C-alpha atoms as a PDB file:
ATOM      1  CA  UNK A   1     109.608  82.343  70.105  1.00  0.00           C
ATOM      2  CA  UNK A   2     110.016  85.825  71.893  1.00  0.00           C
ATOM      3  CA  UNK A   3     109.473  88.700  69.551  1.00  0.00           C
ATOM      4  CA  UNK A   4     111.881  91.120  68.955  1.00  0.00           C
ATOM      5  CA  UNK A   5     112.279  94.277  70.962  1.00  0.00           C
ATOM      6  CA  UNK A   6     111.391  96.522  68.422  1.00  0.00           C
ATOM      7  CA  UNK A   7     112.711 100.064  66.911  1.00  0.00           C
ATOM      8  CA  UNK A   8     111.587 103.597  66.619  1.00  0.00           C
ATOM      9  CA  UNK A   9     111.450 104.645  63.021  1.00  0.00           C
ATOM     10  CA  UNK A  10     111.705 108.204  60.947  1.00  0.00           C
ATOM     11  CA  UNK A  11     110.317 108.232  57.631  1.00  0.00           C
ATOM     12  CA  UNK A  12     110.005 111.373  55.540  1.00  0.00           C
ATOM     13  CA  UNK A  13     107.974 110.466  52.589  1.00  0.00           C
ATOM     14  CA  UNK A  14     105.467 107.308  52.256  1.00  0.00           C
ATOM     15  CA  UNK A  15     104.709 106.542  48.593  1.00  0.00           C
ATOM     16  CA  UNK A  16     103.141 103.474  47.456  1.00  0.00           C
ATOM     17  CA  UNK A  17     102.114 101.624  44.066  1.00  0.00           C
ATOM     18  CA  UNK A  18     101.410  98.533  42.789  1.00  0.00           C
ATOM     19  CA  UNK A  19     104.440  98.629  40.539  1.00  0.00           C
ATOM     20  CA  UNK A  20     107.743  97.221  42.276  1.00  0.00           C
ATOM     21  CA  UNK A  21     109.759 100.027  40.608  1.00  0.00           C
ATOM     22  CA  UNK A  22     107.578 102.779  41.782  1.00  0.00           C
ATOM     23  CA  UNK A  23     107.282 101.529  45.405  1.00  0.00           C
ATOM     24  CA  UNK A  24     111.038 101.710  46.073  1.00  0.00           C
ATOM     25  CA  UNK A  25     112.633 104.829  48.083  1.00  0.00           C
ATOM     26  CA  UNK A  26     115.261 107.036  46.782  1.00  0.00           C
ATOM     27  CA  UNK A  27     117.808 108.183  49.067  1.00  0.00           C
ATOM     28  CA  UNK A  28     117.835 111.594  47.277  1.00  0.00           C
ATOM     29  CA  UNK A  29     114.132 112.563  47.217  1.00  0.00           C
ATOM     30  CA  UNK A  30     113.975 111.482  51.143  1.00  0.00           C
ATOM     31  CA  UNK A  31     116.857 113.613  51.766  1.00  0.00           C
ATOM     32  CA  UNK A  32     115.114 116.535  50.662  1.00  0.00           C
ATOM     33  CA  UNK A  33     112.274 116.434  52.999  1.00  0.00           C
ATOM     34  CA  UNK A  34     113.671 114.970  55.923  1.00  0.00           C
ATOM     35  CA  UNK A  35     113.024 116.727  59.288  1.00  0.00           C
ATOM     36  CA  UNK A  36     115.811 118.891  60.779  1.00  0.00           C
ATOM     37  CA  UNK A  37     118.477 116.910  63.034  1.00  0.00           C
ATOM     38  CA  UNK A  38     117.487 113.346  61.907  1.00  0.00           C
ATOM     39  CA  UNK A  39     120.149 111.503  60.308  1.00  0.00           C
ATOM     40  CA  UNK A  40     120.090 111.018  56.517  1.00  0.00           C
ATOM     41  CA  UNK A  41     118.713 107.509  55.260  1.00  0.00           C
ATOM     42  CA  UNK A  42     121.466 105.172  54.215  1.00  0.00           C
ATOM     43  CA  UNK A  43     121.359 104.095  50.558  1.00  0.00           C
ATOM     44  CA  UNK A  44     119.001 101.623  49.626  1.00  0.00           C
ATOM     45  CA  UNK A  45     115.913 102.565  51.997  1.00  0.00           C
ATOM     46  CA  UNK A  46     113.776 105.546  53.239  1.00  0.00           C
ATOM     47  CA  UNK A  47     113.475 104.741  56.931  1.00  0.00           C
ATOM     48  CA  UNK A  48     115.957 105.975  59.883  1.00  0.00           C
ATOM     49  CA  UNK A  49     116.158 103.818  62.770  1.00  0.00           C
ATOM     50  CA  UNK A  50     116.336 106.500  65.725  1.00  0.00           C
ATOM     51  CA  UNK A  51     116.350 103.767  68.418  1.00  0.00           C
ATOM     52  CA  UNK A  52     116.785 100.163  68.566  1.00  0.00           C
ATOM     53  CA  UNK A  53     115.266  98.443  71.658  1.00  0.00           C
ATOM     54  CA  UNK A  54     117.353  96.038  73.675  1.00  0.00           C
ATOM     55  CA  UNK A  55     114.500  94.364  75.290  1.00  0.00           C
ATOM     56  CA  UNK A  56     115.846  95.118  78.690  1.00  0.00           C
ATOM     57  CA  UNK A  57     115.831  98.317  80.835  1.00  0.00           C
ATOM     58  CA  UNK A  58     114.810 100.479  77.714  1.00  0.00           C
ATOM     59  CA  UNK A  59     111.746  98.368  77.072  1.00  0.00           C
ATOM     60  CA  UNK A  60     110.349  95.825  74.401  1.00  0.00           C
ATOM     61  CA  UNK A  61     107.665  95.671  72.153  1.00  0.00           C
ATOM     62  CA  UNK A  62     106.515  99.152  71.219  1.00  0.00           C
ATOM     63  CA  UNK A  63     102.564  99.289  71.061  1.00  0.00           C
ATOM     64  CA  UNK A  64     101.138 102.341  70.867  1.00  0.00           C
ATOM     65  CA  UNK A  65     100.991 105.241  68.693  1.00  0.00           C
ATOM     66  CA  UNK A  66     103.616 107.954  69.588  1.00  0.00           C
ATOM     67  CA  UNK A  67     102.581 111.335  70.667  1.00  0.00           C
ATOM     68  CA  UNK A  68     104.537 114.605  70.476  1.00  0.00           C
ATOM     69  CA  UNK A  69     105.131 116.772  73.323  1.00  0.00           C
ATOM     70  CA  UNK A  70     107.421 119.799  73.771  1.00  0.00           C
ATOM     71  CA  UNK A  71     109.613 118.924  70.711  1.00  0.00           C
ATOM     72  CA  UNK A  72     109.794 115.234  71.623  1.00  0.00           C
ATOM     73  CA  UNK A  73     108.128 112.169  70.750  1.00  0.00           C
ATOM     74  CA  UNK A  74     106.678 109.420  73.426  1.00  0.00           C
ATOM     75  CA  UNK A  75     105.498 106.118  73.137  1.00  0.00           C
ATOM     76  CA  UNK A  76     104.991 102.901  75.218  1.00  0.00           C
ATOM     77  CA  UNK A  77     106.452  99.434  75.174  1.00  0.00           C
ATOM     78  CA  UNK A  78     104.202  96.648  76.363  1.00  0.00           C
ATOM     79  CA  UNK A  79     106.989  94.594  78.221  1.00  0.00           C
ATOM     80  CA  UNK A  80     110.565  95.515  79.220  1.00  0.00           C
ATOM     81  CA  UNK A  81     111.673  97.853  81.663  1.00  0.00           C
ATOM     82  CA  UNK A  82     113.539  95.487  84.298  1.00  0.00           C
ATOM     83  CA  UNK A  83     110.509  94.983  86.708  1.00  0.00           C
ATOM     84  CA  UNK A  84     110.494  91.217  88.004  1.00  0.00           C
ATOM     85  CA  UNK A  85     106.555  91.616  88.860  1.00  0.00           C
ATOM     86  CA  UNK A  86     105.928  90.708  85.379  1.00  0.00           C
ATOM     87  CA  UNK A  87     107.260  88.085  82.987  1.00  0.00           C
ATOM     88  CA  UNK A  88     109.831  90.103  80.574  1.00  0.00           C
ATOM     89  CA  UNK A  89     109.134  93.276  82.659  1.00  0.00           C
ATOM     90  CA  UNK A  90     105.757  95.438  82.889  1.00  0.00           C
ATOM     91  CA  UNK A  91     106.577  97.714  80.319  1.00  0.00           C
ATOM     92  CA  UNK A  92     107.638 101.559  79.863  1.00  0.00           C
ATOM     93  CA  UNK A  93     106.901 104.719  78.537  1.00  0.00           C
ATOM     94  CA  UNK A  94     109.646 106.368  76.706  1.00  0.00           C
ATOM     95  CA  UNK A  95     110.897 109.369  74.983  1.00  0.00           C
ATOM     96  CA  UNK A  96     112.976 110.103  71.894  1.00  0.00           C
ATOM     97  CA  UNK A  97     114.409 113.531  70.365  1.00  0.00           C
ATOM     98  CA  UNK A  98     114.265 113.767  66.610  1.00  0.00           C
ATOM     99  CA  UNK A  99     118.175 113.236  66.757  1.00  0.00           C
ATOM    100  CA  UNK A 100     117.446 109.682  68.224  1.00  0.00           C
ATOM    101  CA  UNK A 101     118.250 110.452  71.731  1.00  0.00           C
ATOM    102  CA  UNK A 102     116.081 107.870  73.710  1.00  0.00           C
ATOM    103  CA  UNK A 103     115.117 107.845  77.402  1.00  0.00           C
ATOM    104  CA  UNK A 104     112.928 105.871  79.785  1.00  0.00           C
ATOM    105  CA  UNK A 105     110.414 108.165  81.344  1.00  0.00           C
ATOM    106  CA  UNK A 106     108.792 105.485  83.503  1.00  0.00           C
ATOM    107  CA  UNK A 107     108.977 101.775  84.214  1.00  0.00           C
ATOM    108  CA  UNK A 108     106.041 100.434  85.380  1.00  0.00           C
ATOM    109  CA  UNK A 109     106.239  97.769  88.467  1.00  0.00           C
ATOM    110  CA  UNK A 110     102.653  96.070  88.190  1.00  0.00           C
ATOM    111  CA  UNK A 111     100.414  96.051  90.791  1.00  0.00           C
ATOM    112  CA  UNK A 112      98.341  99.257  91.838  1.00  0.00           C
ATOM    113  CA  UNK A 113     100.675 101.093  89.733  1.00  0.00           C
ATOM    114  CA  UNK A 114      99.492  98.979  86.445  1.00  0.00           C
ATOM    115  CA  UNK A 115     101.667  97.288  83.637  1.00  0.00           C
ATOM    116  CA  UNK A 116     101.399  96.654  79.846  1.00  0.00           C
ATOM    117  CA  UNK A 117     100.738 100.321  78.757  1.00  0.00           C
ATOM    118  CA  UNK A 118      98.373 100.435  75.550  1.00  0.00           C
ATOM    119  CA  UNK A 119      97.808 103.959  74.485  1.00  0.00           C
ATOM    120  CA  UNK A 120      99.067 107.553  75.197  1.00  0.00           C
ATOM    121  CA  UNK A 121      97.983 111.022  75.134  1.00  0.00           C
ATOM    122  CA  UNK A 122      99.708 114.134  75.096  1.00  0.00           C
ATOM    123  CA  UNK A 123      97.364 116.751  76.950  1.00  0.00           C
ATOM    124  CA  UNK A 124      98.540 120.061  78.284  1.00  0.00           C
ATOM    125  CA  UNK A 125     102.220 119.688  79.466  1.00  0.00           C
ATOM    126  CA  UNK A 126     101.788 116.163  80.449  1.00  0.00           C
ATOM    127  CA  UNK A 127     101.082 112.523  79.291  1.00  0.00           C
ATOM    128  CA  UNK A 128      98.094 110.293  79.915  1.00  0.00           C
ATOM    129  CA  UNK A 129      97.594 106.769  79.377  1.00  0.00           C
ATOM    130  CA  UNK A 130      96.167 103.524  80.089  1.00  0.00           C
ATOM    131  CA  UNK A 131      97.339  99.997  81.090  1.00  0.00           C
ATOM    132  CA  UNK A 132      95.674  96.922  80.395  1.00  0.00           C
ATOM    133  CA  UNK A 133      96.814  95.000  83.495  1.00  0.00           C
ATOM    134  CA  UNK A 134      97.075  95.946  87.214  1.00  0.00           C
ATOM    135  CA  UNK A 135      95.299  98.364  89.175  1.00  0.00           C
ATOM    136  CA  UNK A 136      93.077  96.633  91.792  1.00  0.00           C
ATOM    137  CA  UNK A 137      93.263  93.106  93.065  1.00  0.00           C
ATOM    138  CA  UNK A 138      91.509  92.236  89.709  1.00  0.00           C
ATOM    139  CA  UNK A 139      94.047  93.659  87.486  1.00  0.00           C
ATOM    140  CA  UNK A 140      91.481  95.154  85.146  1.00  0.00           C
ATOM    141  CA  UNK A 141      93.633  98.210  84.001  1.00  0.00           C
ATOM    142  CA  UNK A 142      94.504 101.662  85.258  1.00  0.00           C
ATOM    143  CA  UNK A 143      94.436 105.367  83.600  1.00  0.00           C
ATOM    144  CA  UNK A 144      97.630 107.145  84.688  1.00  0.00           C
ATOM    145  CA  UNK A 145      98.934 110.888  84.450  1.00  0.00           C
ATOM    146  CA  UNK A 146     102.650 110.892  83.859  1.00  0.00           C
ATOM    147  CA  UNK A 147     105.160 114.108  83.945  1.00  0.00           C
ATOM    148  CA  UNK A 148     107.668 114.159  81.535  1.00  0.00           C
ATOM    149  CA  UNK A 149     110.183 114.292  84.027  1.00  0.00           C
ATOM    150  CA  UNK A 150     108.808 110.713  85.348  1.00  0.00           C
ATOM    151  CA  UNK A 151     106.165 111.453  88.204  1.00  0.00           C
ATOM    152  CA  UNK A 152     103.102 108.783  87.798  1.00  0.00           C
ATOM    153  CA  UNK A 153     100.015 109.383  89.384  1.00  0.00           C
ATOM    154  CA  UNK A 154      97.162 106.849  88.903  1.00  0.00           C
ATOM    155  CA  UNK A 155      94.096 108.764  87.995  1.00  0.00           C
ATOM    156  CA  UNK A 156      91.858 105.536  88.069  1.00  0.00           C
ATOM    157  CA  UNK A 157      91.789 101.816  88.612  1.00  0.00           C
ATOM    158  CA  UNK A 158      89.273  99.819  86.792  1.00  0.00           C
ATOM    159  CA  UNK A 159      87.405  97.363  89.062  1.00  0.00           C
ATOM    160  CA  UNK A 160      85.769  94.998  86.590  1.00  0.00           C
ATOM    161  CA  UNK A 161      82.055  95.506  87.841  1.00  0.00           C
ATOM    162  CA  UNK A 162      79.661  93.688  85.916  1.00  0.00           C
ATOM    163  CA  UNK A 163      78.379  96.811  84.194  1.00  0.00           C
ATOM    164  CA  UNK A 164      81.498  98.765  83.690  1.00  0.00           C
ATOM    165  CA  UNK A 165      84.638  98.114  81.312  1.00  0.00           C
ATOM    166  CA  UNK A 166      88.147  96.734  81.723  1.00  0.00           C
ATOM    167  CA  UNK A 167      91.075  95.972  79.730  1.00  0.00           C
ATOM    168  CA  UNK A 168      91.073  99.864  78.340  1.00  0.00           C
ATOM    169  CA  UNK A 169      92.446 100.288  74.999  1.00  0.00           C
ATOM    170  CA  UNK A 170      92.544 104.131  74.114  1.00  0.00           C
ATOM    171  CA  UNK A 171      92.074 107.386  75.637  1.00  0.00           C
ATOM    172  CA  UNK A 172      91.159 110.922  74.551  1.00  0.00           C
ATOM    173  CA  UNK A 173      90.556 114.297  75.896  1.00  0.00           C
ATOM    174  CA  UNK A 174      87.694 116.173  75.235  1.00  0.00           C
ATOM    175  CA  UNK A 175      86.307 119.288  76.785  1.00  0.00           C
ATOM    176  CA  UNK A 176      88.412 119.035  79.763  1.00  0.00           C
ATOM    177  CA  UNK A 177      87.627 115.357  80.592  1.00  0.00           C
ATOM    178  CA  UNK A 178      89.166 112.221  79.670  1.00  0.00           C
ATOM    179  CA  UNK A 179      87.214 109.465  77.679  1.00  0.00           C
ATOM    180  CA  UNK A 180      88.412 106.155  76.301  1.00  0.00           C
ATOM    181  CA  UNK A 181      87.356 102.586  75.072  1.00  0.00           C
ATOM    182  CA  UNK A 182      87.640  99.330  76.632  1.00  0.00           C
ATOM    183  CA  UNK A 183      88.047  95.915  74.951  1.00  0.00           C
ATOM    184  CA  UNK A 184      85.876  93.813  77.766  1.00  0.00           C
ATOM    185  CA  UNK A 185      82.945  94.388  80.216  1.00  0.00           C
ATOM    186  CA  UNK A 186      79.867  96.484  80.047  1.00  0.00           C
ATOM    187  CA  UNK A 187      76.632  95.149  79.375  1.00  0.00           C
ATOM    188  CA  UNK A 188      77.068  93.038  76.576  1.00  0.00           C
ATOM    189  CA  UNK A 189      80.785  92.018  77.398  1.00  0.00           C
ATOM    190  CA  UNK A 190      82.149  93.837  74.543  1.00  0.00           C
ATOM    191  CA  UNK A 191      83.704  96.871  75.945  1.00  0.00           C
ATOM    192  CA  UNK A 192      82.493 100.472  76.797  1.00  0.00           C
ATOM    193  CA  UNK A 193      83.037 104.164  75.859  1.00  0.00           C
ATOM    194  CA  UNK A 194      83.671 105.670  79.323  1.00  0.00           C
ATOM    195  CA  UNK A 195      84.570 108.992  80.841  1.00  0.00           C
ATOM    196  CA  UNK A 196      86.693 109.773  83.773  1.00  0.00           C
ATOM    197  CA  UNK A 197      84.923 112.391  85.985  1.00  0.00           C
ATOM    198  CA  UNK A 198      86.404 115.138  87.542  1.00  0.00           C
ATOM    199  CA  UNK A 199      86.064 113.321  90.868  1.00  0.00           C
ATOM    200  CA  UNK A 200      88.239 110.377  89.759  1.00  0.00           C
ATOM    201  CA  UNK A 201      85.246 108.061  88.829  1.00  0.00           C
ATOM    202  CA  UNK A 202      84.461 106.127  85.745  1.00  0.00           C
ATOM    203  CA  UNK A 203      81.236 106.829  83.966  1.00  0.00           C
ATOM    204  CA  UNK A 204      79.845 104.307  81.471  1.00  0.00           C
ATOM    205  CA  UNK A 205      78.758 106.282  78.708  1.00  0.00           C
ATOM    206  CA  UNK A 206      77.868 103.633  76.118  1.00  0.00           C
ATOM    207  CA  UNK A 207      78.263  99.701  76.146  1.00  0.00           C
ATOM    208  CA  UNK A 208      79.382  98.407  72.450  1.00  0.00           C
ATOM    209  CA  UNK A 209      77.033  95.674  70.955  1.00  0.00           C
ATOM    210  CA  UNK A 210      78.444  92.466  70.386  1.00  0.00           C
ATOM    211  CA  UNK A 211      78.230  92.858  66.645  1.00  0.00           C
ATOM    212  CA  UNK A 212      80.516  95.556  66.692  1.00  0.00           C
ATOM    213  CA  UNK A 213      84.150  95.842  66.531  1.00  0.00           C
ATOM    214  CA  UNK A 214      85.821  98.156  68.907  1.00  0.00           C
ATOM    215  CA  UNK A 215      85.604 101.990  67.519  1.00  0.00           C
ATOM    216  CA  UNK A 216      88.723 104.265  66.499  1.00  0.00           C
ATOM    217  CA  UNK A 217      87.727 107.963  67.662  1.00  0.00           C
ATOM    218  CA  UNK A 218      88.546 111.419  66.572  1.00  0.00           C
ATOM    219  CA  UNK A 219      87.517 114.588  68.801  1.00  0.00           C
ATOM    220  CA  UNK A 220      86.743 117.378  66.630  1.00  0.00           C
ATOM    221  CA  UNK A 221      84.737 120.504  67.245  1.00  0.00           C
ATOM    222  CA  UNK A 222      82.575 119.079  70.136  1.00  0.00           C
ATOM    223  CA  UNK A 223      81.991 115.616  68.516  1.00  0.00           C
ATOM    224  CA  UNK A 224      83.361 112.331  68.373  1.00  0.00           C
ATOM    225  CA  UNK A 225      83.897 110.904  64.949  1.00  0.00           C
ATOM    226  CA  UNK A 226      84.648 107.208  64.484  1.00  0.00           C
ATOM    227  CA  UNK A 227      85.113 104.298  62.512  1.00  0.00           C
ATOM    228  CA  UNK A 228      84.080 100.697  62.935  1.00  0.00           C
ATOM    229  CA  UNK A 229      83.056  97.242  61.565  1.00  0.00           C
ATOM    230  CA  UNK A 230      79.672  95.991  62.173  1.00  0.00           C
ATOM    231  CA  UNK A 231      79.919  91.987  62.296  1.00  0.00           C
ATOM    232  CA  UNK A 232      76.371  91.059  62.257  1.00  0.00           C
ATOM    233  CA  UNK A 233      74.819  88.553  59.699  1.00  0.00           C
ATOM    234  CA  UNK A 234      75.618  89.006  56.010  1.00  0.00           C
ATOM    235  CA  UNK A 235      78.584  90.866  54.658  1.00  0.00           C
ATOM    236  CA  UNK A 236      80.383  92.896  57.180  1.00  0.00           C
ATOM    237  CA  UNK A 237      79.682  96.626  57.095  1.00  0.00           C
ATOM    238  CA  UNK A 238      82.070  99.304  57.932  1.00  0.00           C
ATOM    239  CA  UNK A 239      80.176 102.237  59.655  1.00  0.00           C
ATOM    240  CA  UNK A 240      81.358 106.040  59.630  1.00  0.00           C
ATOM    241  CA  UNK A 241      79.614 107.502  62.800  1.00  0.00           C
ATOM    242  CA  UNK A 242      79.541 110.492  65.328  1.00  0.00           C
ATOM    243  CA  UNK A 243      79.259 110.016  69.243  1.00  0.00           C
ATOM    244  CA  UNK A 244      78.502 112.657  71.534  1.00  0.00           C
ATOM    245  CA  UNK A 245      79.494 112.530  75.103  1.00  0.00           C
ATOM    246  CA  UNK A 246      76.378 111.503  76.354  1.00  0.00           C
ATOM    247  CA  UNK A 247      76.764 108.260  74.514  1.00  0.00           C
ATOM    248  CA  UNK A 248      73.931 109.396  71.531  1.00  0.00           C
ATOM    249  CA  UNK A 249      75.361 107.964  68.051  1.00  0.00           C
ATOM    250  CA  UNK A 250      74.453 108.931  64.683  1.00  0.00           C
ATOM    251  CA  UNK A 251      75.293 107.078  61.600  1.00  0.00           C
ATOM    252  CA  UNK A 252      76.953 109.166  58.981  1.00  0.00           C
ATOM    253  CA  UNK A 253      77.660 106.640  56.116  1.00  0.00           C
ATOM    254  CA  UNK A 254      78.328 102.969  55.382  1.00  0.00           C
ATOM    255  CA  UNK A 255      80.988 101.250  53.431  1.00  0.00           C
ATOM    256  CA  UNK A 256      81.096  97.569  51.984  1.00  0.00           C
ATOM    257  CA  UNK A 257      83.547  95.806  53.668  1.00  0.00           C
ATOM    258  CA  UNK A 258      83.944  93.191  51.002  1.00  0.00           C
ATOM    259  CA  UNK A 259      84.828  96.241  48.585  1.00  0.00           C
ATOM    260  CA  UNK A 260      87.168  98.603  50.969  1.00  0.00           C
ATOM    261  CA  UNK A 261      88.137  96.035  53.608  1.00  0.00           C
ATOM    262  CA  UNK A 262      88.003  97.131  57.234  1.00  0.00           C
ATOM    263  CA  UNK A 263      88.799 100.624  58.596  1.00  0.00           C
ATOM    264  CA  UNK A 264      92.166 100.921  60.065  1.00  0.00           C
ATOM    265  CA  UNK A 265      93.108 103.223  62.734  1.00  0.00           C
ATOM    266  CA  UNK A 266      91.343 106.191  64.191  1.00  0.00           C
ATOM    267  CA  UNK A 267      90.035 108.793  61.715  1.00  0.00           C
ATOM    268  CA  UNK A 268      92.399 112.016  61.223  1.00  0.00           C
ATOM    269  CA  UNK A 269      91.525 115.639  60.279  1.00  0.00           C
ATOM    270  CA  UNK A 270      93.037 117.804  57.405  1.00  0.00           C
ATOM    271  CA  UNK A 271      92.080 121.402  56.464  1.00  0.00           C
ATOM    272  CA  UNK A 272      88.883 120.841  58.225  1.00  0.00           C
ATOM    273  CA  UNK A 273      87.732 117.594  56.962  1.00  0.00           C
ATOM    274  CA  UNK A 274      87.955 114.032  58.491  1.00  0.00           C
ATOM    275  CA  UNK A 275      89.670 110.895  56.763  1.00  0.00           C
ATOM    276  CA  UNK A 276      89.949 107.535  57.293  1.00  0.00           C
ATOM    277  CA  UNK A 277      92.035 104.674  55.586  1.00  0.00           C
ATOM    278  CA  UNK A 278      90.770 101.285  54.899  1.00  0.00           C
ATOM    279  CA  UNK A 279      92.419  97.801  54.453  1.00  0.00           C
ATOM    280  CA  UNK A 280      91.313  97.457  50.937  1.00  0.00           C
ATOM    281  CA  UNK A 281      89.786  98.619  47.774  1.00  0.00           C
ATOM    282  CA  UNK A 282      91.483 101.391  45.617  1.00  0.00           C
ATOM    283  CA  UNK A 283      93.116  99.811  42.700  1.00  0.00           C
ATOM    284  CA  UNK A 284      91.211  96.620  41.349  1.00  0.00           C
ATOM    285  CA  UNK A 285      94.697  95.399  39.988  1.00  0.00           C
ATOM    286  CA  UNK A 286      96.323  94.973  43.548  1.00  0.00           C
ATOM    287  CA  UNK A 287      93.775  96.042  46.267  1.00  0.00           C
ATOM    288  CA  UNK A 288      96.142  98.463  48.081  1.00  0.00           C
ATOM    289  CA  UNK A 289      93.884 100.253  50.175  1.00  0.00           C
ATOM    290  CA  UNK A 290      91.978 103.489  49.916  1.00  0.00           C
ATOM    291  CA  UNK A 291      91.413 106.828  51.664  1.00  0.00           C
ATOM    292  CA  UNK A 292      87.657 107.498  52.517  1.00  0.00           C
ATOM    293  CA  UNK A 293      86.454 111.096  53.239  1.00  0.00           C
ATOM    294  CA  UNK A 294      83.970 111.197  56.286  1.00  0.00           C
ATOM    295  CA  UNK A 295      82.983 114.981  56.242  1.00  0.00           C
ATOM    296  CA  UNK A 296      83.187 117.619  53.541  1.00  0.00           C
END
């Protein structure tokens, strides 16, 4: 069964509790904090649908975190867009205003230009991202630069060399360079942490051991902070760590995955501190999850 195309949601308040009564949204409380120009939530729910994808030319299956640039939001869809080079389309980059006006910034065509975008980054006045398919003949993925007017330049095409990575999943900007992670490749065939150099080449900074999950990273103050799970013998362990640009990793702390669940999403920063969320832990009554402070 084909997945539904997907929607873009606006949510002003996210409140949760084990109590069914307390977990419901109230339109009055949502309206008090809704961003300007966003339609008011309808009775019975706190979400506002800004755009419903048709699964055709406008894209299908949004698959990456949205980013903000010059007052608009941008994201990617895995498929759709109308290209016949991929079954169901090769994916899109789209933009949407706070009032819900959606436009397709770029439709991927497969081949050397890439297909199936998986991550997007706002950097300067442009967008950067990765596709996990397309590029060279081996179809190992690409890194691209995209203007908000729709002009795409392929920055790098992964070639699938035995030591390099492929199937890129995330992209970061740090000290004027692009860094990212891949799902496959590297010395251990478990992905790599890579840099795209100023000359447009890939430098493998670190190959991930097979016993580790793919890390989720945050660039802050000259250092990458990250969370991941170690999947070795015994109980899986959540690891909080730093990673510098030369690939040196330092562990900050551990978390029992059995008690807290796996870390989800990348860390975030607030008022100089770094936080991450876990998939379990918190209340022993309903185990809804927990927020973990990484850095004091």
